[in-house]
Amino acid sequence: MENSIAAADLAELMASGKPLTLLDVRRREDYEASPEMMEGAQWKDPAKVDQWQATIPKEQEAIIYCARGGSVSQGVRQQLADAGIQARYVAGGLEALTKQNQP
């Protein structure tokens, strides 16, 4: 399985109805500056992933995004994978997701 998913592919995955966990892992300051999230997402502090990773269901895939799909979401994805959670990050992050939803 790939480590990342394109914004367009995430839209298809969500439309399929397959259960998944959608996590916004933007840094606290980025989230507080712009708290809008994708529908169905939960914000989780990436600096505290070791404290919340046990709450993520292992029986479904976790899709995570940060502001731009860089080191934050990639680092969280790796920590989740190391904990046995199937996870991918959104390539391009919230920026790509926002562009995907624009007409």
C-alpha atoms as a PDB file:
ATOM      1  CA  MET A   1       0.000   0.000   0.000  1.00  0.00           C
ATOM      2  CA  GLU A   2       1.151   3.512  -0.768  1.00  0.00           C
ATOM      3  CA  ASN A   3       2.012   5.858   2.087  1.00  0.00           C
ATOM      4  CA  SER A   4       0.037   8.705   0.507  1.00  0.00           C
ATOM      5  CA  ILE A   5      -3.296   9.266  -1.212  1.00  0.00           C
ATOM      6  CA  ALA A   6      -4.187  12.005  -3.703  1.00  0.00           C
ATOM      7  CA  ALA A   7      -7.021  14.389  -2.826  1.00  0.00           C
ATOM      8  CA  ALA A   8      -9.085  13.118  -5.778  1.00  0.00           C
ATOM      9  CA  ASP A   9      -8.594   9.512  -4.686  1.00  0.00           C
ATOM     10  CA  LEU A  10      -9.657  10.389  -1.140  1.00  0.00           C
ATOM     11  CA  ALA A  11     -12.901  11.867  -2.494  1.00  0.00           C
ATOM     12  CA  GLU A  12     -13.573   8.567  -4.293  1.00  0.00           C
ATOM     13  CA  LEU A  13     -12.687   6.535  -1.192  1.00  0.00           C
ATOM     14  CA  MET A  14     -15.044   8.591   0.963  1.00  0.00           C
ATOM     15  CA  ALA A  15     -17.833   8.283  -1.614  1.00  0.00           C
ATOM     16  CA  SER A  16     -17.422   4.489  -1.578  1.00  0.00           C
ATOM     17  CA  GLY A  17     -18.727   4.341   1.984  1.00  0.00           C
ATOM     18  CA  LYS A  18     -15.776   2.271   3.158  1.00  0.00           C
ATOM     19  CA  PRO A  19     -15.243   2.960   6.876  1.00  0.00           C
ATOM     20  CA  LEU A  20     -12.182   5.052   7.582  1.00  0.00           C
ATOM     21  CA  THR A  21     -10.819   7.391  10.206  1.00  0.00           C
ATOM     22  CA  LEU A  22     -10.116  10.909   8.935  1.00  0.00           C
ATOM     23  CA  LEU A  23      -7.645  12.871  11.038  1.00  0.00           C
ATOM     24  CA  ASP A  24      -6.576  16.501  10.798  1.00  0.00           C
ATOM     25  CA  VAL A  25      -3.067  16.609  12.258  1.00  0.00           C
ATOM     26  CA  ARG A  26      -2.125  20.198  11.545  1.00  0.00           C
ATOM     27  CA  ARG A  27       0.063  21.797  14.172  1.00  0.00           C
ATOM     28  CA  ARG A  28      -1.966  23.400  16.961  1.00  0.00           C
ATOM     29  CA  GLU A  29      -1.098  26.933  15.814  1.00  0.00           C
ATOM     30  CA  ASP A  30      -2.183  26.173  12.226  1.00  0.00           C
ATOM     31  CA  TYR A  31      -5.433  24.602  13.396  1.00  0.00           C
ATOM     32  CA  GLU A  32      -6.227  27.470  15.771  1.00  0.00           C
ATOM     33  CA  ALA A  33      -5.512  30.043  13.032  1.00  0.00           C
ATOM     34  CA  SER A  34      -7.901  28.281  10.644  1.00  0.00           C
ATOM     35  CA  PRO A  35     -10.091  25.679  12.406  1.00  0.00           C
ATOM     36  CA  GLU A  36     -12.055  24.615   9.313  1.00  0.00           C
ATOM     37  CA  MET A  37     -11.714  20.881   8.713  1.00  0.00           C
ATOM     38  CA  MET A  38     -12.903  18.328   6.211  1.00  0.00           C
ATOM     39  CA  GLU A  39     -16.333  16.961   7.009  1.00  0.00           C
ATOM     40  CA  GLY A  40     -16.014  13.953   9.292  1.00  0.00           C
ATOM     41  CA  ALA A  41     -12.454  14.745  10.369  1.00  0.00           C
ATOM     42  CA  GLN A  42     -11.199  14.928  13.939  1.00  0.00           C
ATOM     43  CA  TRP A  43      -8.343  17.222  14.927  1.00  0.00           C
ATOM     44  CA  LYS A  44      -5.534  15.499  16.782  1.00  0.00           C
ATOM     45  CA  ASP A  45      -2.469  17.288  18.108  1.00  0.00           C
ATOM     46  CA  PRO A  46       0.492  15.848  16.183  1.00  0.00           C
ATOM     47  CA  ALA A  47       2.822  16.667  19.085  1.00  0.00           C
ATOM     48  CA  LYS A  48       0.846  14.232  21.251  1.00  0.00           C
ATOM     49  CA  VAL A  49       0.393  11.318  18.825  1.00  0.00           C
ATOM     50  CA  ASP A  50       1.847   8.913  21.391  1.00  0.00           C
ATOM     51  CA  GLN A  51      -1.023   9.858  23.736  1.00  0.00           C
ATOM     52  CA  TRP A  52      -3.925   9.407  21.269  1.00  0.00           C
ATOM     53  CA  GLN A  53      -2.778   6.761  18.797  1.00  0.00           C
ATOM     54  CA  ALA A  54      -4.311   3.957  20.917  1.00  0.00           C
ATOM     55  CA  THR A  55      -7.765   5.497  20.314  1.00  0.00           C
ATOM     56  CA  ILE A  56      -7.525   4.992  16.536  1.00  0.00           C
ATOM     57  CA  PRO A  57      -9.343   1.832  15.373  1.00  0.00           C
ATOM     58  CA  LYS A  58      -6.954  -0.682  13.833  1.00  0.00           C
ATOM     59  CA  GLU A  59      -9.709  -2.376  11.835  1.00  0.00           C
ATOM     60  CA  GLN A  60     -10.098   0.546   9.436  1.00  0.00           C
ATOM     61  CA  GLU A  61      -7.707   2.725   7.506  1.00  0.00           C
ATOM     62  CA  ALA A  62      -6.671   6.092   8.909  1.00  0.00           C
ATOM     63  CA  ILE A  63      -6.303   8.964   6.461  1.00  0.00           C
ATOM     64  CA  ILE A  64      -4.407  11.925   7.843  1.00  0.00           C
ATOM     65  CA  TYR A  65      -3.725  15.388   6.575  1.00  0.00           C
ATOM     66  CA  CYS A  66      -1.786  18.433   7.700  1.00  0.00           C
ATOM     67  CA  ALA A  67      -1.477  21.855   6.087  1.00  0.00           C
ATOM     68  CA  ARG A  68       0.604  20.824   3.060  1.00  0.00           C
ATOM     69  CA  GLY A  69       1.210  17.074   3.296  1.00  0.00           C
ATOM     70  CA  GLY A  70       4.762  17.471   4.506  1.00  0.00           C
ATOM     71  CA  SER A  71       6.731  16.359   7.503  1.00  0.00           C
ATOM     72  CA  VAL A  72       3.883  16.654  10.025  1.00  0.00           C
ATOM     73  CA  SER A  73       1.455  14.234   8.372  1.00  0.00           C
ATOM     74  CA  GLN A  74       4.253  11.990   7.130  1.00  0.00           C
ATOM     75  CA  GLY A  75       5.710  11.726  10.633  1.00  0.00           C
ATOM     76  CA  VAL A  76       2.309  10.984  12.189  1.00  0.00           C
ATOM     77  CA  ARG A  77       1.615   8.387   9.471  1.00  0.00           C
ATOM     78  CA  GLN A  78       4.868   6.642  10.307  1.00  0.00           C
ATOM     79  CA  GLN A  79       4.105   6.601  14.037  1.00  0.00           C
ATOM     80  CA  LEU A  80       0.641   5.164  13.384  1.00  0.00           C
ATOM     81  CA  ALA A  81       2.073   2.542  11.020  1.00  0.00           C
ATOM     82  CA  ASP A  82       4.653   1.595  13.653  1.00  0.00           C
ATOM     83  CA  ALA A  83       1.722   1.058  16.061  1.00  0.00           C
ATOM     84  CA  GLY A  84       0.048  -1.339  13.607  1.00  0.00           C
ATOM     85  CA  ILE A  85      -2.483   1.131  12.184  1.00  0.00           C
ATOM     86  CA  GLN A  86      -2.988   1.167   8.436  1.00  0.00           C
ATOM     87  CA  ALA A  87      -2.513   4.852   7.556  1.00  0.00           C
ATOM     88  CA  ARG A  88      -1.925   7.124   4.583  1.00  0.00           C
ATOM     89  CA  TYR A  89      -1.392  10.871   4.413  1.00  0.00           C
ATOM     90  CA  VAL A  90      -3.018  13.187   1.869  1.00  0.00           C
ATOM     91  CA  ALA A  91      -0.456  14.351  -0.680  1.00  0.00           C
ATOM     92  CA  GLY A  92      -0.537  18.149  -0.663  1.00  0.00           C
ATOM     93  CA  GLY A  93      -2.463  18.222   2.624  1.00  0.00           C
ATOM     94  CA  LEU A  94      -5.362  20.559   3.310  1.00  0.00           C
ATOM     95  CA  GLU A  95      -4.210  22.835   0.479  1.00  0.00           C
ATOM     96  CA  ALA A  96      -4.778  20.023  -2.042  1.00  0.00           C
ATOM     97  CA  LEU A  97      -8.096  19.063  -0.452  1.00  0.00           C
ATOM     98  CA  THR A  98      -9.303  22.664  -0.611  1.00  0.00           C
ATOM     99  CA  LYS A  99      -8.296  22.976  -4.281  1.00  0.00           C
ATOM    100  CA  GLN A 100     -10.025  19.662  -5.040  1.00  0.00           C
ATOM    101  CA  ASN A 101     -13.331  21.005  -3.699  1.00  0.00           C
ATOM    102  CA  GLN A 102     -13.182  24.266  -5.656  1.00  0.00           C
ATOM    103  CA  PRO A 103     -15.235  24.573  -8.848  1.00  0.00           C
END
